[in-house]
Amino acid sequence: MSKQQHLEWDDFRLVKIIAEANGLAGAAERLGVNHSTVFRRLGQMEETLGVKLFERHRTGYVLTTAGEEMTSLAEQMEENVTAFTRKLAGQAVAPAGELRVTTNDTLLVHLLTPIFARFIKACPEMRLDVVLANQALNLSKRDADVAIRATDDPPETLVGRRVATIAWAIYGRKADFPDVRGPEDVTLADLFDRHWVALGDNLATLKVARFVREHVAPENIVYKVNTVLGLSEAVEAGTGIGPLPCFIADASPNLVRLSDINADFAAGLWLLTHPDLRQSARVRAFMDFMAAEIAKQKKRIEGAGTKGALLSEVG
C-alpha cells in the first residue's frame, strides 16, 4: 500500500483552508482547533506524500505545485458535494423545511414582507431565511434557493418567471408642489432646474440613473444614494425630486407624481431559481404562491390608475 493511499478527504479540505487563510493560525481559527493540531496534521501529510505542500514565507504560506493540485481537487470535491445536496433538495416531496430567499431592501420593505407572512401562514411547515443583497448571489452554490429580482437581464443559468413590470415616474414632495395634482399640471422640462436626487454611481448603468445624468445639470443633483429605498426617503424628505418606482411613491400621501410613467425606466420583476431546484416541492410551492400574490398587486406595481400617455417630452 502506497503512502498516498493514507490521505483522507479532510486532508484536501485542510490544505484548501490553509491556502485561503494564508497560514496556520487563520486555518485553525476557521476549523475551531489548536494551531498545533493544524501544524501536526500538515506535517504528517507532507511526510506521507514525500513533498512539501507549502513554502513558508514571512508573509504567509504559499502553495507549492503539489499543494495547488490538492487545492484544485478540494474545490472540485466541494462543487460535487454542493451539486449533490442541491439535487437532493430538488427531489424533496413535500413543501417543508427551510427556504433561503434573496431579494433587495426596497422589494422587501414595500412589497414582499406581508406576502412572506401570508406564505408562512399558508405553509406552516416551511421556514424562510431572507438574505438582503442587491448583487446576484450564486444560486449554483446554494447561497440562496430563490431570488426575487428587479431586472431585464436575468442570469442564463437560472430559470423562473417574470411576474410583473415595475413602473417608474418622476416624483416630488407634495408640500413643494401645492398646485400640482398630477403629471398634467407640470411640464417635465421645467423641472430640470430644480434640485434632484439620484441613484449612486454603483447603479450608474441603470436606465433611470442614465436619464438623470443626461438631463439634469451636475450641480442640480444635490444628493445621490446607492439604494432605491434611500432614494424614496430622500424625495419624501424634500431633498429634491427624482425617479421612483410607482408602487412605492403612489402609496405615500406625501408624494406627487410629476411625470407620466416612463417605459424606458421599467424593469421586470422576476422569480428565479436554479434548474436543479425547480421541481422541489418547497421551491415550487413558494414560487407559485408568490406569483399568485404578486399578480393581485400587478396594477399597483405597474403604476396603473393615473392618466396620461407614456413620458415622451424628453428623449
C-alpha atoms as a PDB file:
ATOM      1  CA  MET A   1       0.000   0.000   0.000  1.00  0.00           C
ATOM      2  CA  SER A   2       1.491   3.353  -1.057  1.00  0.00           C
ATOM      3  CA  LYS A   3       1.748   6.341   1.228  1.00  0.00           C
ATOM      4  CA  GLN A   4      -0.671   8.363  -0.886  1.00  0.00           C
ATOM      5  CA  GLN A   5      -3.494   5.963  -0.051  1.00  0.00           C
ATOM      6  CA  HIS A   6      -3.415   7.126   3.588  1.00  0.00           C
ATOM      7  CA  LEU A   7      -4.764  10.576   2.632  1.00  0.00           C
ATOM      8  CA  GLU A   8      -8.307  11.315   3.723  1.00  0.00           C
ATOM      9  CA  TRP A   9     -10.934  13.620   2.206  1.00  0.00           C
ATOM     10  CA  ASP A  10     -10.488  16.080   5.071  1.00  0.00           C
ATOM     11  CA  ASP A  11      -6.783  16.414   4.220  1.00  0.00           C
ATOM     12  CA  PHE A  12      -7.674  18.054   0.904  1.00  0.00           C
ATOM     13  CA  ARG A  13     -10.041  20.429   2.669  1.00  0.00           C
ATOM     14  CA  LEU A  14      -7.366  21.309   5.221  1.00  0.00           C
ATOM     15  CA  VAL A  15      -4.850  22.272   2.532  1.00  0.00           C
ATOM     16  CA  LYS A  16      -7.501  24.454   0.849  1.00  0.00           C
ATOM     17  CA  ILE A  17      -8.336  26.222   4.123  1.00  0.00           C
ATOM     18  CA  ILE A  18      -4.660  26.871   4.952  1.00  0.00           C
ATOM     19  CA  ALA A  19      -4.215  28.374   1.482  1.00  0.00           C
ATOM     20  CA  GLU A  20      -7.300  30.585   1.871  1.00  0.00           C
ATOM     21  CA  ALA A  21      -6.225  31.695   5.347  1.00  0.00           C
ATOM     22  CA  ASN A  22      -2.627  32.267   4.207  1.00  0.00           C
ATOM     23  CA  GLY A  23      -1.316  30.388   7.228  1.00  0.00           C
ATOM     24  CA  LEU A  24      -1.930  28.022  10.115  1.00  0.00           C
ATOM     25  CA  ALA A  25      -3.365  30.488  12.618  1.00  0.00           C
ATOM     26  CA  GLY A  26      -6.240  31.558  10.388  1.00  0.00           C
ATOM     27  CA  ALA A  27      -6.917  27.970   9.349  1.00  0.00           C
ATOM     28  CA  ALA A  28      -7.015  26.818  12.968  1.00  0.00           C
ATOM     29  CA  GLU A  29      -9.490  29.578  13.800  1.00  0.00           C
ATOM     30  CA  ARG A  30     -11.769  28.617  10.925  1.00  0.00           C
ATOM     31  CA  LEU A  31     -11.650  24.954  11.913  1.00  0.00           C
ATOM     32  CA  GLY A  32     -12.057  25.606  15.630  1.00  0.00           C
ATOM     33  CA  VAL A  33      -8.906  23.665  16.558  1.00  0.00           C
ATOM     34  CA  ASN A  34      -5.499  24.473  18.014  1.00  0.00           C
ATOM     35  CA  HIS A  35      -2.684  25.871  15.894  1.00  0.00           C
ATOM     36  CA  SER A  36      -0.559  22.860  16.884  1.00  0.00           C
ATOM     37  CA  THR A  37      -3.206  20.454  15.562  1.00  0.00           C
ATOM     38  CA  VAL A  38      -3.097  22.031  12.104  1.00  0.00           C
ATOM     39  CA  PHE A  39       0.713  22.148  12.194  1.00  0.00           C
ATOM     40  CA  ARG A  40       0.934  18.478  13.139  1.00  0.00           C
ATOM     41  CA  ARG A  41      -1.590  17.303  10.538  1.00  0.00           C
ATOM     42  CA  LEU A  42       0.105  19.272   7.749  1.00  0.00           C
ATOM     43  CA  GLY A  43       3.455  17.808   8.708  1.00  0.00           C
ATOM     44  CA  GLN A  44       2.006  14.286   8.629  1.00  0.00           C
ATOM     45  CA  MET A  45       0.554  14.865   5.168  1.00  0.00           C
ATOM     46  CA  GLU A  46       3.812  16.199   3.772  1.00  0.00           C
ATOM     47  CA  GLU A  47       5.689  13.261   5.269  1.00  0.00           C
ATOM     48  CA  THR A  48       3.182  10.806   3.809  1.00  0.00           C
ATOM     49  CA  LEU A  49       3.382  12.362   0.363  1.00  0.00           C
ATOM     50  CA  GLY A  50       7.116  12.971   0.463  1.00  0.00           C
ATOM     51  CA  VAL A  51       6.631  16.516  -0.897  1.00  0.00           C
ATOM     52  CA  LYS A  52       6.101  19.989   0.535  1.00  0.00           C
ATOM     53  CA  LEU A  53       2.608  21.382   0.096  1.00  0.00           C
ATOM     54  CA  PHE A  54       3.521  24.936   1.136  1.00  0.00           C
ATOM     55  CA  GLU A  55       6.503  27.241   1.011  1.00  0.00           C
ATOM     56  CA  ARG A  56       6.867  29.047   4.351  1.00  0.00           C
ATOM     57  CA  HIS A  57       7.440  32.790   3.979  1.00  0.00           C
ATOM     58  CA  ARG A  58       7.312  35.700   6.365  1.00  0.00           C
ATOM     59  CA  THR A  59       4.172  36.899   4.621  1.00  0.00           C
ATOM     60  CA  GLY A  60       2.432  33.535   4.966  1.00  0.00           C
ATOM     61  CA  TYR A  61       2.096  30.090   3.480  1.00  0.00           C
ATOM     62  CA  VAL A  62       2.334  29.824  -0.329  1.00  0.00           C
ATOM     63  CA  LEU A  63       1.182  26.708  -2.167  1.00  0.00           C
ATOM     64  CA  THR A  64       3.696  24.552  -4.000  1.00  0.00           C
ATOM     65  CA  THR A  65       2.727  22.808  -7.236  1.00  0.00           C
ATOM     66  CA  ALA A  66       1.599  19.751  -5.270  1.00  0.00           C
ATOM     67  CA  GLY A  67      -0.371  21.973  -2.904  1.00  0.00           C
ATOM     68  CA  GLU A  68      -2.071  23.702  -5.819  1.00  0.00           C
ATOM     69  CA  GLU A  69      -3.167  20.335  -7.199  1.00  0.00           C
ATOM     70  CA  MET A  70      -4.605  19.314  -3.827  1.00  0.00           C
ATOM     71  CA  THR A  71      -6.441  22.628  -3.542  1.00  0.00           C
ATOM     72  CA  SER A  72      -7.878  22.226  -7.038  1.00  0.00           C
ATOM     73  CA  LEU A  73      -9.139  18.742  -6.153  1.00  0.00           C
ATOM     74  CA  ALA A  74     -10.627  20.082  -2.925  1.00  0.00           C
ATOM     75  CA  GLU A  75     -12.564  22.721  -4.887  1.00  0.00           C
ATOM     76  CA  GLN A  76     -13.865  20.041  -7.247  1.00  0.00           C
ATOM     77  CA  MET A  77     -14.991  17.932  -4.292  1.00  0.00           C
ATOM     78  CA  GLU A  78     -16.750  20.923  -2.762  1.00  0.00           C
ATOM     79  CA  GLU A  79     -18.576  21.629  -6.021  1.00  0.00           C
ATOM     80  CA  ASN A  80     -19.616  17.987  -6.347  1.00  0.00           C
ATOM     81  CA  VAL A  81     -20.941  17.889  -2.795  1.00  0.00           C
ATOM     82  CA  THR A  82     -22.858  21.132  -3.401  1.00  0.00           C
ATOM     83  CA  ALA A  83     -24.355  19.714  -6.611  1.00  0.00           C
ATOM     84  CA  PHE A  84     -25.352  16.534  -4.779  1.00  0.00           C
ATOM     85  CA  THR A  85     -27.108  18.385  -1.942  1.00  0.00           C
ATOM     86  CA  ARG A  86     -28.792  20.669  -4.470  1.00  0.00           C
ATOM     87  CA  LYS A  87     -30.188  17.661  -6.336  1.00  0.00           C
ATOM     88  CA  LEU A  88     -31.413  16.124  -3.095  1.00  0.00           C
ATOM     89  CA  ALA A  89     -33.176  19.378  -2.294  1.00  0.00           C
ATOM     90  CA  GLY A  90     -34.712  19.299  -5.749  1.00  0.00           C
ATOM     91  CA  GLN A  91     -36.165  15.861  -5.011  1.00  0.00           C
ATOM     92  CA  ALA A  92     -37.988  16.959  -1.859  1.00  0.00           C
ATOM     93  CA  VAL A  93     -41.526  15.553  -1.929  1.00  0.00           C
ATOM     94  CA  ALA A  94     -43.300  17.935   0.438  1.00  0.00           C
ATOM     95  CA  PRO A  95     -43.316  21.722   0.955  1.00  0.00           C
ATOM     96  CA  ALA A  96     -41.464  21.587   4.238  1.00  0.00           C
ATOM     97  CA  GLY A  97     -38.167  22.803   5.639  1.00  0.00           C
ATOM     98  CA  GLU A  98     -36.146  25.963   5.220  1.00  0.00           C
ATOM     99  CA  LEU A  99     -36.045  28.035   2.047  1.00  0.00           C
ATOM    100  CA  ARG A 100     -33.422  30.724   1.535  1.00  0.00           C
ATOM    101  CA  VAL A 101     -34.686  33.683  -0.464  1.00  0.00           C
ATOM    102  CA  THR A 102     -32.605  36.608  -1.677  1.00  0.00           C
ATOM    103  CA  THR A 103     -34.054  39.975  -2.648  1.00  0.00           C
ATOM    104  CA  ASN A 104     -33.253  43.652  -2.122  1.00  0.00           C
ATOM    105  CA  ASP A 105     -34.301  46.010   0.654  1.00  0.00           C
ATOM    106  CA  THR A 106     -36.721  48.002  -1.493  1.00  0.00           C
ATOM    107  CA  LEU A 107     -38.786  44.998  -2.572  1.00  0.00           C
ATOM    108  CA  LEU A 108     -38.739  43.546   0.934  1.00  0.00           C
ATOM    109  CA  VAL A 109     -39.964  46.697   2.696  1.00  0.00           C
ATOM    110  CA  HIS A 110     -42.528  47.895   0.170  1.00  0.00           C
ATOM    111  CA  LEU A 111     -43.876  44.656  -1.314  1.00  0.00           C
ATOM    112  CA  LEU A 112     -42.690  41.301  -0.055  1.00  0.00           C
ATOM    113  CA  THR A 113     -42.836  41.241   3.764  1.00  0.00           C
ATOM    114  CA  PRO A 114     -46.649  40.869   4.041  1.00  0.00           C
ATOM    115  CA  ILE A 115     -46.629  38.291   1.237  1.00  0.00           C
ATOM    116  CA  PHE A 116     -43.935  36.306   3.059  1.00  0.00           C
ATOM    117  CA  ALA A 117     -46.092  36.432   6.199  1.00  0.00           C
ATOM    118  CA  ARG A 118     -49.074  35.011   4.299  1.00  0.00           C
ATOM    119  CA  PHE A 119     -46.892  32.273   2.800  1.00  0.00           C
ATOM    120  CA  ILE A 120     -45.680  31.132   6.228  1.00  0.00           C
ATOM    121  CA  LYS A 121     -49.277  31.042   7.435  1.00  0.00           C
ATOM    122  CA  ALA A 122     -50.345  29.041   4.369  1.00  0.00           C
ATOM    123  CA  CYS A 123     -47.375  26.628   4.631  1.00  0.00           C
ATOM    124  CA  PRO A 124     -46.713  26.193   8.364  1.00  0.00           C
ATOM    125  CA  GLU A 125     -44.072  23.514   7.758  1.00  0.00           C
ATOM    126  CA  MET A 126     -41.935  25.985   5.837  1.00  0.00           C
ATOM    127  CA  ARG A 127     -39.351  28.446   7.192  1.00  0.00           C
ATOM    128  CA  LEU A 128     -37.916  31.393   5.275  1.00  0.00           C
ATOM    129  CA  ASP A 129     -34.350  32.672   5.535  1.00  0.00           C
ATOM    130  CA  VAL A 130     -34.336  36.047   3.745  1.00  0.00           C
ATOM    131  CA  VAL A 131     -30.987  37.387   2.541  1.00  0.00           C
ATOM    132  CA  LEU A 132     -30.864  41.052   1.519  1.00  0.00           C
ATOM    133  CA  ALA A 133     -28.399  41.695  -1.288  1.00  0.00           C
ATOM    134  CA  ASN A 134     -28.511  43.956  -4.313  1.00  0.00           C
ATOM    135  CA  GLN A 135     -25.924  41.861  -6.119  1.00  0.00           C
ATOM    136  CA  ALA A 136     -26.858  38.482  -7.516  1.00  0.00           C
ATOM    137  CA  LEU A 137     -25.986  35.660  -5.136  1.00  0.00           C
ATOM    138  CA  ASN A 138     -24.646  32.414  -6.533  1.00  0.00           C
ATOM    139  CA  LEU A 139     -27.665  30.115  -6.630  1.00  0.00           C
ATOM    140  CA  SER A 140     -25.418  27.396  -8.092  1.00  0.00           C
ATOM    141  CA  LYS A 141     -23.587  27.236  -4.746  1.00  0.00           C
ATOM    142  CA  ARG A 142     -26.822  27.376  -2.731  1.00  0.00           C
ATOM    143  CA  ASP A 143     -26.207  30.925  -1.459  1.00  0.00           C
ATOM    144  CA  ALA A 144     -29.970  31.074  -1.962  1.00  0.00           C
ATOM    145  CA  ASP A 145     -32.741  28.827  -3.269  1.00  0.00           C
ATOM    146  CA  VAL A 146     -34.892  31.548  -4.833  1.00  0.00           C
ATOM    147  CA  ALA A 147     -34.031  35.056  -5.995  1.00  0.00           C
ATOM    148  CA  ILE A 148     -36.639  37.806  -6.339  1.00  0.00           C
ATOM    149  CA  ARG A 149     -35.088  40.432  -8.553  1.00  0.00           C
ATOM    150  CA  ALA A 150     -35.904  43.591 -10.494  1.00  0.00           C
ATOM    151  CA  THR A 151     -34.042  43.082 -13.764  1.00  0.00           C
ATOM    152  CA  ASP A 152     -34.439  42.908 -17.519  1.00  0.00           C
ATOM    153  CA  ASP A 153     -31.497  40.556 -17.865  1.00  0.00           C
ATOM    154  CA  PRO A 154     -31.831  37.541 -15.531  1.00  0.00           C
ATOM    155  CA  PRO A 155     -28.825  35.175 -15.494  1.00  0.00           C
ATOM    156  CA  GLU A 156     -28.975  32.482 -18.163  1.00  0.00           C
ATOM    157  CA  THR A 157     -28.014  29.896 -15.544  1.00  0.00           C
ATOM    158  CA  LEU A 158     -31.323  30.399 -13.698  1.00  0.00           C
ATOM    159  CA  VAL A 159     -34.934  29.584 -14.545  1.00  0.00           C
ATOM    160  CA  GLY A 160     -38.111  31.310 -13.467  1.00  0.00           C
ATOM    161  CA  ARG A 161     -40.871  33.638 -14.474  1.00  0.00           C
ATOM    162  CA  ARG A 162     -41.450  37.349 -14.979  1.00  0.00           C
ATOM    163  CA  VAL A 163     -44.394  38.189 -12.740  1.00  0.00           C
ATOM    164  CA  ALA A 164     -44.758  41.951 -13.292  1.00  0.00           C
ATOM    165  CA  THR A 165     -43.204  45.056 -14.791  1.00  0.00           C
ATOM    166  CA  ILE A 166     -42.055  47.679 -12.282  1.00  0.00           C
ATOM    167  CA  ALA A 167     -43.126  51.119 -13.490  1.00  0.00           C
ATOM    168  CA  TRP A 168     -41.211  54.316 -12.649  1.00  0.00           C
ATOM    169  CA  ALA A 169     -42.017  58.030 -12.858  1.00  0.00           C
ATOM    170  CA  ILE A 170     -40.663  61.326 -11.503  1.00  0.00           C
ATOM    171  CA  TYR A 171     -41.948  62.346  -8.045  1.00  0.00           C
ATOM    172  CA  GLY A 172     -41.617  65.259  -5.679  1.00  0.00           C
ATOM    173  CA  ARG A 173     -42.758  66.144  -2.180  1.00  0.00           C
ATOM    174  CA  LYS A 174     -46.388  67.263  -2.297  1.00  0.00           C
ATOM    175  CA  ALA A 175     -45.683  70.202   0.028  1.00  0.00           C
ATOM    176  CA  ASP A 176     -43.268  71.608  -2.561  1.00  0.00           C
ATOM    177  CA  PHE A 177     -45.905  71.371  -5.339  1.00  0.00           C
ATOM    178  CA  PRO A 178     -49.145  72.564  -3.700  1.00  0.00           C
ATOM    179  CA  ASP A 179     -50.856  73.303  -7.032  1.00  0.00           C
ATOM    180  CA  VAL A 180     -49.865  70.057  -8.756  1.00  0.00           C
ATOM    181  CA  ARG A 181     -52.337  67.176  -8.721  1.00  0.00           C
ATOM    182  CA  GLY A 182     -50.535  65.043 -11.256  1.00  0.00           C
ATOM    183  CA  PRO A 183     -48.398  64.970 -14.416  1.00  0.00           C
ATOM    184  CA  GLU A 184     -50.931  67.000 -16.368  1.00  0.00           C
ATOM    185  CA  ASP A 185     -50.180  70.040 -14.183  1.00  0.00           C
ATOM    186  CA  VAL A 186     -46.447  70.205 -14.812  1.00  0.00           C
ATOM    187  CA  THR A 187     -44.024  70.145 -17.750  1.00  0.00           C
ATOM    188  CA  LEU A 188     -41.052  67.879 -17.234  1.00  0.00           C
ATOM    189  CA  ALA A 189     -38.648  70.287 -18.945  1.00  0.00           C
ATOM    190  CA  ASP A 190     -39.477  72.894 -16.288  1.00  0.00           C
ATOM    191  CA  LEU A 191     -38.279  70.539 -13.550  1.00  0.00           C
ATOM    192  CA  PHE A 192     -34.659  70.214 -14.641  1.00  0.00           C
ATOM    193  CA  ASP A 193     -33.619  73.440 -12.888  1.00  0.00           C
ATOM    194  CA  ARG A 194     -34.788  72.102  -9.522  1.00  0.00           C
ATOM    195  CA  HIS A 195     -32.779  70.082  -7.013  1.00  0.00           C
ATOM    196  CA  TRP A 196     -32.718  66.377  -7.883  1.00  0.00           C
ATOM    197  CA  VAL A 197     -31.852  63.177  -6.047  1.00  0.00           C
ATOM    198  CA  ALA A 198     -30.324  60.305  -7.978  1.00  0.00           C
ATOM    199  CA  LEU A 199     -29.027  56.759  -7.641  1.00  0.00           C
ATOM    200  CA  GLY A 200     -25.365  56.396  -6.684  1.00  0.00           C
ATOM    201  CA  ASP A 201     -22.502  55.706  -9.059  1.00  0.00           C
ATOM    202  CA  ASN A 202     -22.603  51.960  -8.353  1.00  0.00           C
ATOM    203  CA  LEU A 203     -26.010  51.904 -10.091  1.00  0.00           C
ATOM    204  CA  ALA A 204     -24.980  54.290 -12.869  1.00  0.00           C
ATOM    205  CA  THR A 205     -25.710  51.739 -15.596  1.00  0.00           C
ATOM    206  CA  LEU A 206     -29.423  51.585 -14.786  1.00  0.00           C
ATOM    207  CA  LYS A 207     -31.595  53.329 -17.369  1.00  0.00           C
ATOM    208  CA  VAL A 208     -33.219  55.564 -14.767  1.00  0.00           C
ATOM    209  CA  ALA A 209     -29.801  56.676 -13.485  1.00  0.00           C
ATOM    210  CA  ARG A 210     -28.632  57.478 -17.003  1.00  0.00           C
ATOM    211  CA  PHE A 211     -31.741  59.587 -17.602  1.00  0.00           C
ATOM    212  CA  VAL A 212     -30.992  61.863 -14.639  1.00  0.00           C
ATOM    213  CA  ARG A 213     -27.306  62.083 -15.554  1.00  0.00           C
ATOM    214  CA  GLU A 214     -28.091  63.013 -19.167  1.00  0.00           C
ATOM    215  CA  HIS A 215     -30.848  65.557 -18.495  1.00  0.00           C
ATOM    216  CA  VAL A 216     -30.005  67.218 -15.183  1.00  0.00           C
ATOM    217  CA  ALA A 217     -27.022  69.526 -14.698  1.00  0.00           C
ATOM    218  CA  PRO A 218     -24.483  68.043 -12.234  1.00  0.00           C
ATOM    219  CA  GLU A 219     -24.838  70.997  -9.856  1.00  0.00           C
ATOM    220  CA  ASN A 220     -28.587  70.298  -9.585  1.00  0.00           C
ATOM    221  CA  ILE A 221     -28.042  66.681  -8.482  1.00  0.00           C
ATOM    222  CA  VAL A 222     -27.684  67.512  -4.808  1.00  0.00           C
ATOM    223  CA  TYR A 223     -27.977  64.010  -3.358  1.00  0.00           C
ATOM    224  CA  LYS A 224     -27.014  60.524  -4.510  1.00  0.00           C
ATOM    225  CA  VAL A 225     -27.674  57.258  -2.696  1.00  0.00           C
ATOM    226  CA  ASN A 226     -26.970  53.652  -3.646  1.00  0.00           C
ATOM    227  CA  THR A 227     -30.395  52.136  -2.896  1.00  0.00           C
ATOM    228  CA  VAL A 228     -33.873  52.826  -4.228  1.00  0.00           C
ATOM    229  CA  LEU A 229     -35.141  52.698  -0.659  1.00  0.00           C
ATOM    230  CA  GLY A 230     -32.835  55.578   0.245  1.00  0.00           C
ATOM    231  CA  LEU A 231     -33.880  57.431  -2.896  1.00  0.00           C
ATOM    232  CA  SER A 232     -37.555  57.361  -1.918  1.00  0.00           C
ATOM    233  CA  GLU A 233     -36.725  58.526   1.616  1.00  0.00           C
ATOM    234  CA  ALA A 234     -34.763  61.473   0.205  1.00  0.00           C
ATOM    235  CA  VAL A 235     -37.591  62.579  -2.098  1.00  0.00           C
ATOM    236  CA  GLU A 236     -40.099  62.326   0.738  1.00  0.00           C
ATOM    237  CA  ALA A 237     -37.803  64.411   2.955  1.00  0.00           C
ATOM    238  CA  GLY A 238     -37.833  67.182   0.365  1.00  0.00           C
ATOM    239  CA  THR A 239     -34.160  66.853  -0.575  1.00  0.00           C
ATOM    240  CA  GLY A 240     -35.104  67.016  -4.225  1.00  0.00           C
ATOM    241  CA  ILE A 241     -37.272  65.488  -6.916  1.00  0.00           C
ATOM    242  CA  GLY A 242     -36.358  62.210  -8.545  1.00  0.00           C
ATOM    243  CA  PRO A 243     -37.419  58.983 -10.257  1.00  0.00           C
ATOM    244  CA  LEU A 244     -39.112  56.350  -8.103  1.00  0.00           C
ATOM    245  CA  PRO A 245     -40.965  53.059  -8.589  1.00  0.00           C
ATOM    246  CA  CYS A 246     -44.679  53.842  -8.702  1.00  0.00           C
ATOM    247  CA  PHE A 247     -45.639  51.114  -6.240  1.00  0.00           C
ATOM    248  CA  ILE A 248     -43.540  52.871  -3.584  1.00  0.00           C
ATOM    249  CA  ALA A 249     -44.276  56.513  -4.332  1.00  0.00           C
ATOM    250  CA  ASP A 250     -48.002  56.219  -5.108  1.00  0.00           C
ATOM    251  CA  ALA A 251     -48.557  54.703  -1.669  1.00  0.00           C
ATOM    252  CA  SER A 252     -47.171  57.794   0.072  1.00  0.00           C
ATOM    253  CA  PRO A 253     -49.614  60.650   0.777  1.00  0.00           C
ATOM    254  CA  ASN A 254     -46.618  62.992   0.936  1.00  0.00           C
ATOM    255  CA  LEU A 255     -45.531  62.497  -2.689  1.00  0.00           C
ATOM    256  CA  VAL A 256     -46.983  63.638  -6.001  1.00  0.00           C
ATOM    257  CA  ARG A 257     -46.290  62.215  -9.433  1.00  0.00           C
ATOM    258  CA  LEU A 258     -44.696  64.853 -11.648  1.00  0.00           C
ATOM    259  CA  SER A 259     -44.386  62.880 -14.883  1.00  0.00           C
ATOM    260  CA  ASP A 260     -46.167  60.152 -16.731  1.00  0.00           C
ATOM    261  CA  ILE A 261     -44.767  56.659 -16.500  1.00  0.00           C
ATOM    262  CA  ASN A 262     -41.555  56.359 -18.478  1.00  0.00           C
ATOM    263  CA  ALA A 263     -41.462  52.999 -20.250  1.00  0.00           C
ATOM    264  CA  ASP A 264     -37.670  53.286 -20.618  1.00  0.00           C
ATOM    265  CA  PHE A 265     -37.278  53.153 -16.819  1.00  0.00           C
ATOM    266  CA  ALA A 266     -39.262  49.931 -16.400  1.00  0.00           C
ATOM    267  CA  ALA A 267     -37.737  46.689 -15.128  1.00  0.00           C
ATOM    268  CA  GLY A 268     -39.119  43.186 -14.924  1.00  0.00           C
ATOM    269  CA  LEU A 269     -39.889  41.603 -11.562  1.00  0.00           C
ATOM    270  CA  TRP A 270     -38.594  38.030 -11.654  1.00  0.00           C
ATOM    271  CA  LEU A 271     -38.860  34.911  -9.508  1.00  0.00           C
ATOM    272  CA  LEU A 272     -35.715  32.857 -10.196  1.00  0.00           C
ATOM    273  CA  THR A 273     -34.233  29.558  -9.054  1.00  0.00           C
ATOM    274  CA  HIS A 274     -31.593  27.041 -10.103  1.00  0.00           C
ATOM    275  CA  PRO A 275     -32.698  24.405 -12.667  1.00  0.00           C
ATOM    276  CA  ASP A 276     -31.902  21.606 -10.197  1.00  0.00           C
ATOM    277  CA  LEU A 277     -34.396  23.064  -7.713  1.00  0.00           C
ATOM    278  CA  ARG A 278     -37.366  23.916  -9.901  1.00  0.00           C
ATOM    279  CA  GLN A 279     -39.070  20.580  -9.216  1.00  0.00           C
ATOM    280  CA  SER A 280     -38.516  20.841  -5.469  1.00  0.00           C
ATOM    281  CA  ALA A 281     -41.874  20.844  -3.706  1.00  0.00           C
ATOM    282  CA  ARG A 282     -40.873  23.693  -1.419  1.00  0.00           C
ATOM    283  CA  VAL A 283     -39.439  25.839  -4.234  1.00  0.00           C
ATOM    284  CA  ARG A 284     -42.421  25.139  -6.468  1.00  0.00           C
ATOM    285  CA  ALA A 285     -44.907  25.896  -3.677  1.00  0.00           C
ATOM    286  CA  PHE A 286     -43.135  29.143  -2.812  1.00  0.00           C
ATOM    287  CA  MET A 287     -42.827  30.389  -6.398  1.00  0.00           C
ATOM    288  CA  ASP A 288     -46.434  29.542  -7.237  1.00  0.00           C
ATOM    289  CA  PHE A 289     -47.657  31.312  -4.099  1.00  0.00           C
ATOM    290  CA  MET A 290     -45.512  34.397  -4.748  1.00  0.00           C
ATOM    291  CA  ALA A 291     -46.620  34.607  -8.389  1.00  0.00           C
ATOM    292  CA  ALA A 292     -50.288  34.458  -7.397  1.00  0.00           C
ATOM    293  CA  GLU A 293     -49.895  37.069  -4.639  1.00  0.00           C
ATOM    294  CA  ILE A 294     -47.865  39.451  -6.792  1.00  0.00           C
ATOM    295  CA  ALA A 295     -50.449  39.118  -9.575  1.00  0.00           C
ATOM    296  CA  LYS A 296     -53.031  40.575  -7.173  1.00  0.00           C
ATOM    297  CA  GLN A 297     -50.872  43.706  -6.910  1.00  0.00           C
ATOM    298  CA  LYS A 298     -49.809  43.868 -10.537  1.00  0.00           C
ATOM    299  CA  LYS A 299     -51.748  47.088 -11.279  1.00  0.00           C
ATOM    300  CA  ARG A 300     -50.074  48.864  -8.370  1.00  0.00           C
ATOM    301  CA  ILE A 301     -46.618  47.610  -9.383  1.00  0.00           C
ATOM    302  CA  GLU A 302     -47.198  48.679 -12.974  1.00  0.00           C
ATOM    303  CA  GLY A 303     -48.382  52.162 -11.937  1.00  0.00           C
ATOM    304  CA  ALA A 304     -51.976  51.819 -13.181  1.00  0.00           C
ATOM    305  CA  GLY A 305     -54.616  54.339 -12.214  1.00  0.00           C
ATOM    306  CA  THR A 306     -53.069  57.568 -13.477  1.00  0.00           C
ATOM    307  CA  LYS A 307     -53.937  59.470 -16.629  1.00  0.00           C
ATOM    308  CA  GLY A 308     -51.620  60.415 -19.434  1.00  0.00           C
ATOM    309  CA  ALA A 309     -49.518  58.781 -22.042  1.00  0.00           C
ATOM    310  CA  LEU A 310     -46.037  57.464 -21.522  1.00  0.00           C
ATOM    311  CA  LEU A 311     -43.477  60.191 -20.901  1.00  0.00           C
ATOM    312  CA  SER A 312     -42.302  61.478 -24.252  1.00  0.00           C
ATOM    313  CA  GLU A 313     -41.444  65.137 -23.640  1.00  0.00           C
ATOM    314  CA  VAL A 314     -37.735  64.308 -23.346  1.00  0.00           C
ATOM    315  CA  GLY A 315     -35.955  61.682 -25.396  1.00  0.00           C
END
